[in-house]
């Protein structure tokens, strides 16, 4: 959500003020065995 789709979220949702709730699961280190590629530590920073 925050990584792959950031440009669309910024321009199509943020810029237009669209009533979309980006409900992102499996955040942070506790994703565990899925490893570094899936452990998101940047998403809050991006969305802020």
ModelCIF file with pLDDT and N, C-alpha, C, O atoms, coordinates in Angstrom:
data_MODEL
#
_entry.id   MODEL 
#
_entity.id                         1 
_entity.type                       polymer 
_entity.pdbx_number_of_molecules   1 
#
_entity_poly.entity_id                      1 
_entity_poly.type                           'polypeptide(L)' 
_entity_poly.nstd_linkage                   no 
_entity_poly.nstd_monomer                   no 
_entity_poly.pdbx_seq_one_letter_code       
;(UNK)(UNK)(UNK)(UNK)(UNK)(UNK)(UNK)(UNK)(UNK)(UNK)(UNK)(UNK)(UNK)(UNK)(UNK)(UNK)
(UNK)(UNK)(UNK)(UNK)(UNK)(UNK)(UNK)(UNK)(UNK)(UNK)(UNK)(UNK)(UNK)(UNK)(UNK)(UNK)
(UNK)(UNK)(UNK)(UNK)(UNK)(UNK)(UNK)(UNK)(UNK)(UNK)(UNK)(UNK)(UNK)(UNK)(UNK)(UNK)
;
_entity_poly.pdbx_seq_one_letter_code_can   XXXXXXXXXXXXXXXXXXXXXXXXXXXXXXXXXXXXXXXXXXXXXXXX 
_entity_poly.pdbx_strand_id                 A 
#
loop_
_entity_poly_seq.entity_id 
_entity_poly_seq.num 
_entity_poly_seq.mon_id 
_entity_poly_seq.hetero 
1 1  UNK n 
1 2  UNK n 
1 3  UNK n 
1 4  UNK n 
1 5  UNK n 
1 6  UNK n 
1 7  UNK n 
1 8  UNK n 
1 9  UNK n 
1 10 UNK n 
1 11 UNK n 
1 12 UNK n 
1 13 UNK n 
1 14 UNK n 
1 15 UNK n 
1 16 UNK n 
1 17 UNK n 
1 18 UNK n 
1 19 UNK n 
1 20 UNK n 
1 21 UNK n 
1 22 UNK n 
1 23 UNK n 
1 24 UNK n 
1 25 UNK n 
1 26 UNK n 
1 27 UNK n 
1 28 UNK n 
1 29 UNK n 
1 30 UNK n 
1 31 UNK n 
1 32 UNK n 
1 33 UNK n 
1 34 UNK n 
1 35 UNK n 
1 36 UNK n 
1 37 UNK n 
1 38 UNK n 
1 39 UNK n 
1 40 UNK n 
1 41 UNK n 
1 42 UNK n 
1 43 UNK n 
1 44 UNK n 
1 45 UNK n 
1 46 UNK n 
1 47 UNK n 
1 48 UNK n 
#
_struct_asym.id          A 
_struct_asym.entity_id   1 
#
loop_
_ma_qa_metric.id 
_ma_qa_metric.mode 
_ma_qa_metric.name 
_ma_qa_metric.software_group_id 
_ma_qa_metric.type 
1 global pLDDT . pLDDT 
2 local  pLDDT . pLDDT 
#
_ma_qa_metric_global.metric_id      1 
_ma_qa_metric_global.metric_value   96.12 
_ma_qa_metric_global.model_id       1 
_ma_qa_metric_global.ordinal_id     1 
#
loop_
_ma_qa_metric_local.label_asym_id 
_ma_qa_metric_local.label_comp_id 
_ma_qa_metric_local.label_seq_id 
_ma_qa_metric_local.metric_id 
_ma_qa_metric_local.metric_value 
_ma_qa_metric_local.model_id 
_ma_qa_metric_local.ordinal_id 
A UNK 1  2 97.00 1 1  
A UNK 2  2 95.00 1 2  
A UNK 3  2 94.00 1 3  
A UNK 4  2 95.00 1 4  
A UNK 5  2 97.00 1 5  
A UNK 6  2 97.00 1 6  
A UNK 7  2 97.00 1 7  
A UNK 8  2 98.00 1 8  
A UNK 9  2 98.00 1 9  
A UNK 10 2 98.00 1 10 
A UNK 11 2 98.00 1 11 
A UNK 12 2 98.00 1 12 
A UNK 13 2 98.00 1 13 
A UNK 14 2 98.00 1 14 
A UNK 15 2 98.00 1 15 
A UNK 16 2 98.00 1 16 
A UNK 17 2 98.00 1 17 
A UNK 18 2 98.00 1 18 
A UNK 19 2 98.00 1 19 
A UNK 20 2 98.00 1 20 
A UNK 21 2 98.00 1 21 
A UNK 22 2 98.00 1 22 
A UNK 23 2 98.00 1 23 
A UNK 24 2 97.00 1 24 
A UNK 25 2 97.00 1 25 
A UNK 26 2 96.00 1 26 
A UNK 27 2 94.00 1 27 
A UNK 28 2 95.00 1 28 
A UNK 29 2 95.00 1 29 
A UNK 30 2 94.00 1 30 
A UNK 31 2 92.00 1 31 
A UNK 32 2 91.00 1 32 
A UNK 33 2 92.00 1 33 
A UNK 34 2 90.00 1 34 
A UNK 35 2 92.00 1 35 
A UNK 36 2 93.00 1 36 
A UNK 37 2 93.00 1 37 
A UNK 38 2 94.00 1 38 
A UNK 39 2 94.00 1 39 
A UNK 40 2 95.00 1 40 
A UNK 41 2 96.00 1 41 
A UNK 42 2 97.00 1 42 
A UNK 43 2 98.00 1 43 
A UNK 44 2 98.00 1 44 
A UNK 45 2 98.00 1 45 
A UNK 46 2 98.00 1 46 
A UNK 47 2 98.00 1 47 
A UNK 48 2 97.00 1 48 
#
loop_
_atom_site.group_PDB 
_atom_site.id 
_atom_site.type_symbol 
_atom_site.label_atom_id 
_atom_site.label_alt_id 
_atom_site.label_comp_id 
_atom_site.label_asym_id 
_atom_site.label_entity_id 
_atom_site.label_seq_id 
_atom_site.pdbx_PDB_ins_code 
_atom_site.Cartn_x 
_atom_site.Cartn_y 
_atom_site.Cartn_z 
_atom_site.occupancy 
_atom_site.B_iso_or_equiv 
_atom_site.pdbx_formal_charge 
_atom_site.auth_seq_id 
_atom_site.auth_comp_id 
_atom_site.auth_asym_id 
_atom_site.auth_atom_id 
_atom_site.pdbx_PDB_model_num 
ATOM 1   N N  . UNK A 1 1  ? 0.839   -1.203  0.000  1.00 97.00 ? 1  UNK A N  1 
ATOM 2   C CA . UNK A 1 1  ? 0.000   0.000   0.000  1.00 97.00 ? 1  UNK A CA 1 
ATOM 3   C C  . UNK A 1 1  ? 0.870   1.247   0.000  1.00 97.00 ? 1  UNK A C  1 
ATOM 4   O O  . UNK A 1 1  ? 0.858   2.031   -0.949 1.00 97.00 ? 1  UNK A O  1 
ATOM 5   N N  . UNK A 1 2  ? 1.623   1.418   1.076  1.00 95.00 ? 2  UNK A N  1 
ATOM 6   C CA . UNK A 1 2  ? 2.434   2.632   1.215  1.00 95.00 ? 2  UNK A CA 1 
ATOM 7   C C  . UNK A 1 2  ? 3.583   2.656   0.217  1.00 95.00 ? 2  UNK A C  1 
ATOM 8   O O  . UNK A 1 2  ? 3.959   3.724   -0.265 1.00 95.00 ? 2  UNK A O  1 
ATOM 9   N N  . UNK A 1 3  ? 4.151   1.480   -0.101 1.00 94.00 ? 3  UNK A N  1 
ATOM 10  C CA . UNK A 1 3  ? 5.312   1.424   -0.978 1.00 94.00 ? 3  UNK A CA 1 
ATOM 11  C C  . UNK A 1 3  ? 4.949   1.434   -2.446 1.00 94.00 ? 3  UNK A C  1 
ATOM 12  O O  . UNK A 1 3  ? 5.215   2.402   -3.159 1.00 94.00 ? 3  UNK A O  1 
ATOM 13  N N  . UNK A 1 4  ? 4.341   0.350   -2.892 1.00 95.00 ? 4  UNK A N  1 
ATOM 14  C CA . UNK A 1 4  ? 4.092   0.189   -4.330 1.00 95.00 ? 4  UNK A CA 1 
ATOM 15  C C  . UNK A 1 4  ? 3.103   1.208   -4.876 1.00 95.00 ? 4  UNK A C  1 
ATOM 16  O O  . UNK A 1 4  ? 3.233   1.647   -6.019 1.00 95.00 ? 4  UNK A O  1 
ATOM 17  N N  . UNK A 1 5  ? 2.117   1.588   -4.074 1.00 97.00 ? 5  UNK A N  1 
ATOM 18  C CA . UNK A 1 5  ? 1.036   2.442   -4.591 1.00 97.00 ? 5  UNK A CA 1 
ATOM 19  C C  . UNK A 1 5  ? 1.141   3.899   -4.148 1.00 97.00 ? 5  UNK A C  1 
ATOM 20  O O  . UNK A 1 5  ? 0.171   4.648   -4.259 1.00 97.00 ? 5  UNK A O  1 
ATOM 21  N N  . UNK A 1 6  ? 2.305   4.309   -3.649 1.00 97.00 ? 6  UNK A N  1 
ATOM 22  C CA . UNK A 1 6  ? 2.392   5.650   -3.065 1.00 97.00 ? 6  UNK A CA 1 
ATOM 23  C C  . UNK A 1 6  ? 1.991   6.753   -4.049 1.00 97.00 ? 6  UNK A C  1 
ATOM 24  O O  . UNK A 1 6  ? 1.254   7.667   -3.680 1.00 97.00 ? 6  UNK A O  1 
ATOM 25  N N  . UNK A 1 7  ? 2.457   6.679   -5.269 1.00 97.00 ? 7  UNK A N  1 
ATOM 26  C CA . UNK A 1 7  ? 2.153   7.747   -6.235 1.00 97.00 ? 7  UNK A CA 1 
ATOM 27  C C  . UNK A 1 7  ? 0.647   7.868   -6.465 1.00 97.00 ? 7  UNK A C  1 
ATOM 28  O O  . UNK A 1 7  ? 0.112   8.974   -6.534 1.00 97.00 ? 7  UNK A O  1 
ATOM 29  N N  . UNK A 1 8  ? -0.030  6.728   -6.582 1.00 98.00 ? 8  UNK A N  1 
ATOM 30  C CA . UNK A 1 8  ? -1.482  6.746   -6.811 1.00 98.00 ? 8  UNK A CA 1 
ATOM 31  C C  . UNK A 1 8  ? -2.203  7.292   -5.574 1.00 98.00 ? 8  UNK A C  1 
ATOM 32  O O  . UNK A 1 8  ? -3.149  8.071   -5.687 1.00 98.00 ? 8  UNK A O  1 
ATOM 33  N N  . UNK A 1 9  ? -1.743  6.873   -4.401 1.00 98.00 ? 9  UNK A N  1 
ATOM 34  C CA . UNK A 1 9  ? -2.348  7.376   -3.161 1.00 98.00 ? 9  UNK A CA 1 
ATOM 35  C C  . UNK A 1 9  ? -2.164  8.888   -3.060 1.00 98.00 ? 9  UNK A C  1 
ATOM 36  O O  . UNK A 1 9  ? -3.092  9.612   -2.701 1.00 98.00 ? 9  UNK A O  1 
ATOM 37  N N  . UNK A 1 10 ? -0.967  9.355   -3.378 1.00 98.00 ? 10 UNK A N  1 
ATOM 38  C CA . UNK A 1 10 ? -0.694  10.801  -3.306 1.00 98.00 ? 10 UNK A CA 1 
ATOM 39  C C  . UNK A 1 10 ? -1.561  11.589  -4.286 1.00 98.00 ? 10 UNK A C  1 
ATOM 40  O O  . UNK A 1 10 ? -2.221  12.556  -3.905 1.00 98.00 ? 10 UNK A O  1 
ATOM 41  N N  . UNK A 1 11 ? -1.554  11.165  -5.556 1.00 98.00 ? 11 UNK A N  1 
ATOM 42  C CA . UNK A 1 11 ? -2.179  11.973  -6.607 1.00 98.00 ? 11 UNK A CA 1 
ATOM 43  C C  . UNK A 1 11 ? -3.679  11.722  -6.781 1.00 98.00 ? 11 UNK A C  1 
ATOM 44  O O  . UNK A 1 11 ? -4.445  12.666  -6.974 1.00 98.00 ? 11 UNK A O  1 
ATOM 45  N N  . UNK A 1 12 ? -4.102  10.459  -6.715 1.00 98.00 ? 12 UNK A N  1 
ATOM 46  C CA . UNK A 1 12 ? -5.512  10.141  -6.970 1.00 98.00 ? 12 UNK A CA 1 
ATOM 47  C C  . UNK A 1 12 ? -6.379  10.218  -5.717 1.00 98.00 ? 12 UNK A C  1 
ATOM 48  O O  . UNK A 1 12 ? -7.571  10.513  -5.799 1.00 98.00 ? 12 UNK A O  1 
ATOM 49  N N  . UNK A 1 13 ? -5.773  9.952   -4.553 1.00 98.00 ? 13 UNK A N  1 
ATOM 50  C CA . UNK A 1 13 ? -6.544  9.966   -3.306 1.00 98.00 ? 13 UNK A CA 1 
ATOM 51  C C  . UNK A 1 13 ? -6.253  11.221  -2.483 1.00 98.00 ? 13 UNK A C  1 
ATOM 52  O O  . UNK A 1 13 ? -7.177  11.930  -2.085 1.00 98.00 ? 13 UNK A O  1 
ATOM 53  N N  . UNK A 1 14 ? -4.966  11.499  -2.227 1.00 98.00 ? 14 UNK A N  1 
ATOM 54  C CA . UNK A 1 14 ? -4.610  12.659  -1.415 1.00 98.00 ? 14 UNK A CA 1 
ATOM 55  C C  . UNK A 1 14 ? -4.955  13.979  -2.081 1.00 98.00 ? 14 UNK A C  1 
ATOM 56  O O  . UNK A 1 14 ? -5.614  14.827  -1.479 1.00 98.00 ? 14 UNK A O  1 
ATOM 57  N N  . UNK A 1 15 ? -4.516  14.158  -3.312 1.00 98.00 ? 15 UNK A N  1 
ATOM 58  C CA . UNK A 1 15 ? -4.703  15.427  -4.028 1.00 98.00 ? 15 UNK A CA 1 
ATOM 59  C C  . UNK A 1 15 ? -6.179  15.747  -4.254 1.00 98.00 ? 15 UNK A C  1 
ATOM 60  O O  . UNK A 1 15 ? -6.589  16.906  -4.200 1.00 98.00 ? 15 UNK A O  1 
ATOM 61  N N  . UNK A 1 16 ? -6.981  14.695  -4.510 1.00 98.00 ? 16 UNK A N  1 
ATOM 62  C CA . UNK A 1 16 ? -8.412  14.914  -4.765 1.00 98.00 ? 16 UNK A CA 1 
ATOM 63  C C  . UNK A 1 16 ? -9.240  14.914  -3.483 1.00 98.00 ? 16 UNK A C  1 
ATOM 64  O O  . UNK A 1 16 ? -10.415 15.280  -3.498 1.00 98.00 ? 16 UNK A O  1 
ATOM 65  N N  . UNK A 1 17 ? -8.616  14.498  -2.360 1.00 98.00 ? 17 UNK A N  1 
ATOM 66  C CA . UNK A 1 17 ? -9.367  14.399  -1.106 1.00 98.00 ? 17 UNK A CA 1 
ATOM 67  C C  . UNK A 1 17 ? -10.390 13.274  -1.133 1.00 98.00 ? 17 UNK A C  1 
ATOM 68  O O  . UNK A 1 17 ? -11.414 13.349  -0.455 1.00 98.00 ? 17 UNK A O  1 
ATOM 69  N N  . UNK A 1 18 ? -10.120 12.235  -1.911 1.00 98.00 ? 18 UNK A N  1 
ATOM 70  C CA . UNK A 1 18 ? -11.073 11.138  -2.081 1.00 98.00 ? 18 UNK A CA 1 
ATOM 71  C C  . UNK A 1 18 ? -11.313 10.410  -0.761 1.00 98.00 ? 18 UNK A C  1 
ATOM 72  O O  . UNK A 1 18 ? -10.408 10.274  0.062  1.00 98.00 ? 18 UNK A O  1 
ATOM 73  N N  . UNK A 1 19 ? -12.531 9.952   -0.578 1.00 98.00 ? 19 UNK A N  1 
ATOM 74  C CA . UNK A 1 19 ? -12.953 9.309   0.669  1.00 98.00 ? 19 UNK A CA 1 
ATOM 75  C C  . UNK A 1 19 ? -12.536 7.835   0.683  1.00 98.00 ? 19 UNK A C  1 
ATOM 76  O O  . UNK A 1 19 ? -13.378 6.940   0.750  1.00 98.00 ? 19 UNK A O  1 
ATOM 77  N N  . UNK A 1 20 ? -11.226 7.603   0.620  1.00 98.00 ? 20 UNK A N  1 
ATOM 78  C CA . UNK A 1 20 ? -10.665 6.255   0.604  1.00 98.00 ? 20 UNK A CA 1 
ATOM 79  C C  . UNK A 1 20 ? -9.918  5.998   1.909  1.00 98.00 ? 20 UNK A C  1 
ATOM 80  O O  . UNK A 1 20 ? -9.132  6.830   2.361  1.00 98.00 ? 20 UNK A O  1 
ATOM 81  N N  . UNK A 1 21 ? -10.172 4.852   2.500  1.00 98.00 ? 21 UNK A N  1 
ATOM 82  C CA . UNK A 1 21 ? -9.463  4.432   3.704  1.00 98.00 ? 21 UNK A CA 1 
ATOM 83  C C  . UNK A 1 21 ? -8.471  3.342   3.298  1.00 98.00 ? 21 UNK A C  1 
ATOM 84  O O  . UNK A 1 21 ? -8.857  2.230   2.938  1.00 98.00 ? 21 UNK A O  1 
ATOM 85  N N  . UNK A 1 22 ? -7.190  3.688   3.365  1.00 98.00 ? 22 UNK A N  1 
ATOM 86  C CA . UNK A 1 22 ? -6.116  2.759   2.993  1.00 98.00 ? 22 UNK A CA 1 
ATOM 87  C C  . UNK A 1 22 ? -5.854  1.889   4.213  1.00 98.00 ? 22 UNK A C  1 
ATOM 88  O O  . UNK A 1 22 ? -5.116  2.283   5.115  1.00 98.00 ? 22 UNK A O  1 
ATOM 89  N N  . UNK A 1 23 ? -6.458  0.709   4.240  1.00 98.00 ? 23 UNK A N  1 
ATOM 90  C CA . UNK A 1 23 ? -6.405  -0.162  5.415  1.00 98.00 ? 23 UNK A CA 1 
ATOM 91  C C  . UNK A 1 23 ? -5.287  -1.182  5.215  1.00 98.00 ? 23 UNK A C  1 
ATOM 92  O O  . UNK A 1 23 ? -5.471  -2.214  4.570  1.00 98.00 ? 23 UNK A O  1 
ATOM 93  N N  . UNK A 1 24 ? -4.128  -0.868  5.784  1.00 97.00 ? 24 UNK A N  1 
ATOM 94  C CA . UNK A 1 24 ? -2.900  -1.609  5.502  1.00 97.00 ? 24 UNK A CA 1 
ATOM 95  C C  . UNK A 1 24 ? -2.552  -2.528  6.658  1.00 97.00 ? 24 UNK A C  1 
ATOM 96  O O  . UNK A 1 24 ? -2.363  -2.075  7.786  1.00 97.00 ? 24 UNK A O  1 
ATOM 97  N N  . UNK A 1 25 ? -2.468  -3.809  6.376  1.00 97.00 ? 25 UNK A N  1 
ATOM 98  C CA . UNK A 1 25 ? -2.161  -4.785  7.416  1.00 97.00 ? 25 UNK A CA 1 
ATOM 99  C C  . UNK A 1 25 ? -0.712  -5.262  7.294  1.00 97.00 ? 25 UNK A C  1 
ATOM 100 O O  . UNK A 1 25 ? 0.015   -4.871  6.380  1.00 97.00 ? 25 UNK A O  1 
ATOM 101 N N  . UNK A 1 26 ? -0.309  -6.127  8.248  1.00 96.00 ? 26 UNK A N  1 
ATOM 102 C CA . UNK A 1 26 ? 1.025   -6.748  8.218  1.00 96.00 ? 26 UNK A CA 1 
ATOM 103 C C  . UNK A 1 26 ? 2.133   -5.690  8.206  1.00 96.00 ? 26 UNK A C  1 
ATOM 104 O O  . UNK A 1 26 ? 3.086   -5.781  7.433  1.00 96.00 ? 26 UNK A O  1 
ATOM 105 N N  . UNK A 1 27 ? 1.992   -4.695  9.069  1.00 94.00 ? 27 UNK A N  1 
ATOM 106 C CA . UNK A 1 27 ? 3.003   -3.642  9.163  1.00 94.00 ? 27 UNK A CA 1 
ATOM 107 C C  . UNK A 1 27 ? 4.031   -3.994  10.228 1.00 94.00 ? 27 UNK A C  1 
ATOM 108 O O  . UNK A 1 27 ? 3.721   -4.711  11.180 1.00 94.00 ? 27 UNK A O  1 
ATOM 109 N N  . UNK A 1 28 ? 5.260   -3.491  10.072 1.00 95.00 ? 28 UNK A N  1 
ATOM 110 C CA . UNK A 1 28 ? 6.276   -3.598  11.103 1.00 95.00 ? 28 UNK A CA 1 
ATOM 111 C C  . UNK A 1 28 ? 7.008   -4.923  11.157 1.00 95.00 ? 28 UNK A C  1 
ATOM 112 O O  . UNK A 1 28 ? 6.807   -5.804  10.321 1.00 95.00 ? 28 UNK A O  1 
ATOM 113 N N  . UNK A 1 29 ? 7.870   -5.044  12.170 1.00 95.00 ? 29 UNK A N  1 
ATOM 114 C CA . UNK A 1 29 ? 8.779   -6.188  12.312 1.00 95.00 ? 29 UNK A CA 1 
ATOM 115 C C  . UNK A 1 29 ? 8.038   -7.473  12.652 1.00 95.00 ? 29 UNK A C  1 
ATOM 116 O O  . UNK A 1 29 ? 8.543   -8.561  12.374 1.00 95.00 ? 29 UNK A O  1 
ATOM 117 N N  . UNK A 1 30 ? 6.831   -7.373  13.259 1.00 94.00 ? 30 UNK A N  1 
ATOM 118 C CA . UNK A 1 30 ? 6.113   -8.574  13.688 1.00 94.00 ? 30 UNK A CA 1 
ATOM 119 C C  . UNK A 1 30 ? 5.457   -9.329  12.538 1.00 94.00 ? 30 UNK A C  1 
ATOM 120 O O  . UNK A 1 30 ? 4.781   -10.333 12.765 1.00 94.00 ? 30 UNK A O  1 
ATOM 121 N N  . UNK A 1 31 ? 5.648   -8.859  11.303 1.00 92.00 ? 31 UNK A N  1 
ATOM 122 C CA . UNK A 1 31 ? 5.314   -9.702  10.151 1.00 92.00 ? 31 UNK A CA 1 
ATOM 123 C C  . UNK A 1 31 ? 6.158   -10.977 10.225 1.00 92.00 ? 31 UNK A C  1 
ATOM 124 O O  . UNK A 1 31 ? 5.770   -12.032 9.723  1.00 92.00 ? 31 UNK A O  1 
ATOM 125 N N  . UNK A 1 32 ? 7.330   -10.847 10.870 1.00 91.00 ? 32 UNK A N  1 
ATOM 126 C CA . UNK A 1 32 ? 8.120   -12.024 11.229 1.00 91.00 ? 32 UNK A CA 1 
ATOM 127 C C  . UNK A 1 32 ? 8.770   -12.752 10.084 1.00 91.00 ? 32 UNK A C  1 
ATOM 128 O O  . UNK A 1 32 ? 9.649   -12.212 9.413  1.00 91.00 ? 32 UNK A O  1 
ATOM 129 N N  . UNK A 1 33 ? 8.335   -14.000 9.852  1.00 92.00 ? 33 UNK A N  1 
ATOM 130 C CA . UNK A 1 33 ? 9.006   -14.888 8.905  1.00 92.00 ? 33 UNK A CA 1 
ATOM 131 C C  . UNK A 1 33 ? 8.947   -14.400 7.466  1.00 92.00 ? 33 UNK A C  1 
ATOM 132 O O  . UNK A 1 33 ? 9.738   -14.861 6.644  1.00 92.00 ? 33 UNK A O  1 
ATOM 133 N N  . UNK A 1 34 ? 8.047   -13.491 7.127  1.00 90.00 ? 34 UNK A N  1 
ATOM 134 C CA . UNK A 1 34 ? 7.979   -12.971 5.759  1.00 90.00 ? 34 UNK A CA 1 
ATOM 135 C C  . UNK A 1 34 ? 9.218   -12.161 5.388  1.00 90.00 ? 34 UNK A C  1 
ATOM 136 O O  . UNK A 1 34 ? 9.497   -11.955 4.207  1.00 90.00 ? 34 UNK A O  1 
ATOM 137 N N  . UNK A 1 35 ? 9.959   -11.701 6.394  1.00 92.00 ? 35 UNK A N  1 
ATOM 138 C CA . UNK A 1 35 ? 11.268  -11.120 6.151  1.00 92.00 ? 35 UNK A CA 1 
ATOM 139 C C  . UNK A 1 35 ? 11.295  -9.657  5.747  1.00 92.00 ? 35 UNK A C  1 
ATOM 140 O O  . UNK A 1 35 ? 10.271  -8.973  5.729  1.00 92.00 ? 35 UNK A O  1 
ATOM 141 N N  . UNK A 1 36 ? 12.508  -9.194  5.419  1.00 93.00 ? 36 UNK A N  1 
ATOM 142 C CA . UNK A 1 36 ? 12.776  -7.769  5.197  1.00 93.00 ? 36 UNK A CA 1 
ATOM 143 C C  . UNK A 1 36 ? 11.940  -7.154  4.090  1.00 93.00 ? 36 UNK A C  1 
ATOM 144 O O  . UNK A 1 36 ? 11.577  -5.981  4.169  1.00 93.00 ? 36 UNK A O  1 
ATOM 145 N N  . UNK A 1 37 ? 11.631  -7.925  3.063  1.00 93.00 ? 37 UNK A N  1 
ATOM 146 C CA . UNK A 1 37 ? 10.878  -7.370  1.933  1.00 93.00 ? 37 UNK A CA 1 
ATOM 147 C C  . UNK A 1 37 ? 9.452   -6.986  2.312  1.00 93.00 ? 37 UNK A C  1 
ATOM 148 O O  . UNK A 1 37 ? 8.834   -6.149  1.654  1.00 93.00 ? 37 UNK A O  1 
ATOM 149 N N  . UNK A 1 38 ? 8.927   -7.606  3.382  1.00 94.00 ? 38 UNK A N  1 
ATOM 150 C CA . UNK A 1 38 ? 7.538   -7.365  3.781  1.00 94.00 ? 38 UNK A CA 1 
ATOM 151 C C  . UNK A 1 38 ? 7.415   -6.583  5.088  1.00 94.00 ? 38 UNK A C  1 
ATOM 152 O O  . UNK A 1 38 ? 6.312   -6.184  5.462  1.00 94.00 ? 38 UNK A O  1 
ATOM 153 N N  . UNK A 1 39 ? 8.518   -6.360  5.782  1.00 94.00 ? 39 UNK A N  1 
ATOM 154 C CA . UNK A 1 39 ? 8.484   -5.646  7.062  1.00 94.00 ? 39 UNK A CA 1 
ATOM 155 C C  . UNK A 1 39 ? 8.597   -4.139  6.792  1.00 94.00 ? 39 UNK A C  1 
ATOM 156 O O  . UNK A 1 39 ? 9.657   -3.628  6.431  1.00 94.00 ? 39 UNK A O  1 
ATOM 157 N N  . UNK A 1 40 ? 7.478   -3.459  6.978  1.00 95.00 ? 40 UNK A N  1 
ATOM 158 C CA . UNK A 1 40 ? 7.410   -2.040  6.615  1.00 95.00 ? 40 UNK A CA 1 
ATOM 159 C C  . UNK A 1 40 ? 7.725   -1.137  7.799  1.00 95.00 ? 40 UNK A C  1 
ATOM 160 O O  . UNK A 1 40 ? 7.036   -1.178  8.818  1.00 95.00 ? 40 UNK A O  1 
ATOM 161 N N  . UNK A 1 41 ? 8.769   -0.320  7.663  1.00 96.00 ? 41 UNK A N  1 
ATOM 162 C CA . UNK A 1 41 ? 9.131   0.652   8.701  1.00 96.00 ? 41 UNK A CA 1 
ATOM 163 C C  . UNK A 1 41 ? 9.004   2.088   8.201  1.00 96.00 ? 41 UNK A C  1 
ATOM 164 O O  . UNK A 1 41 ? 9.320   3.034   8.923  1.00 96.00 ? 41 UNK A O  1 
ATOM 165 N N  . UNK A 1 42 ? 8.540   2.244   6.961  1.00 97.00 ? 42 UNK A N  1 
ATOM 166 C CA . UNK A 1 42 ? 8.512   3.561   6.325  1.00 97.00 ? 42 UNK A CA 1 
ATOM 167 C C  . UNK A 1 42 ? 7.105   4.107   6.114  1.00 97.00 ? 42 UNK A C  1 
ATOM 168 O O  . UNK A 1 42 ? 6.945   5.272   5.750  1.00 97.00 ? 42 UNK A O  1 
ATOM 169 N N  . UNK A 1 43 ? 6.087   3.287   6.337  1.00 98.00 ? 43 UNK A N  1 
ATOM 170 C CA . UNK A 1 43 ? 4.734   3.643   5.901  1.00 98.00 ? 43 UNK A CA 1 
ATOM 171 C C  . UNK A 1 43 ? 4.138   4.846   6.625  1.00 98.00 ? 43 UNK A C  1 
ATOM 172 O O  . UNK A 1 43 ? 3.520   5.704   5.995  1.00 98.00 ? 43 UNK A O  1 
ATOM 173 N N  . UNK A 1 44 ? 4.319   4.916   7.942  1.00 98.00 ? 44 UNK A N  1 
ATOM 174 C CA . UNK A 1 44 ? 3.788   6.076   8.672  1.00 98.00 ? 44 UNK A CA 1 
ATOM 175 C C  . UNK A 1 44 ? 4.478   7.353   8.202  1.00 98.00 ? 44 UNK A C  1 
ATOM 176 O O  . UNK A 1 44 ? 3.834   8.385   8.012  1.00 98.00 ? 44 UNK A O  1 
ATOM 177 N N  . UNK A 1 45 ? 5.797   7.270   8.018  1.00 98.00 ? 45 UNK A N  1 
ATOM 178 C CA . UNK A 1 45 ? 6.554   8.434   7.545  1.00 98.00 ? 45 UNK A CA 1 
ATOM 179 C C  . UNK A 1 45 ? 6.027   8.907   6.193  1.00 98.00 ? 45 UNK A C  1 
ATOM 180 O O  . UNK A 1 45 ? 5.827   10.104  5.985  1.00 98.00 ? 45 UNK A O  1 
ATOM 181 N N  . UNK A 1 46 ? 5.804   7.973   5.280  1.00 98.00 ? 46 UNK A N  1 
ATOM 182 C CA . UNK A 1 46 ? 5.301   8.330   3.949  1.00 98.00 ? 46 UNK A CA 1 
ATOM 183 C C  . UNK A 1 46 ? 3.912   8.953   4.031  1.00 98.00 ? 46 UNK A C  1 
ATOM 184 O O  . UNK A 1 46 ? 3.651   9.988   3.417  1.00 98.00 ? 46 UNK A O  1 
ATOM 185 N N  . UNK A 1 47 ? 3.027   8.321   4.789  1.00 98.00 ? 47 UNK A N  1 
ATOM 186 C CA . UNK A 1 47 ? 1.641   8.786   4.823  1.00 98.00 ? 47 UNK A CA 1 
ATOM 187 C C  . UNK A 1 47 ? 1.485   10.104  5.582  1.00 98.00 ? 47 UNK A C  1 
ATOM 188 O O  . UNK A 1 47 ? 0.583   10.887  5.285  1.00 98.00 ? 47 UNK A O  1 
ATOM 189 N N  . UNK A 1 48 ? 2.349   10.348  6.549  1.00 97.00 ? 48 UNK A N  1 
ATOM 190 C CA . UNK A 1 48 ? 2.315   11.642  7.252  1.00 97.00 ? 48 UNK A CA 1 
ATOM 191 C C  . UNK A 1 48 ? 2.599   12.801  6.308  1.00 97.00 ? 48 UNK A C  1 
ATOM 192 O O  . UNK A 1 48 ? 2.609   13.956  6.733  1.00 97.00 ? 48 UNK A O  1 
#
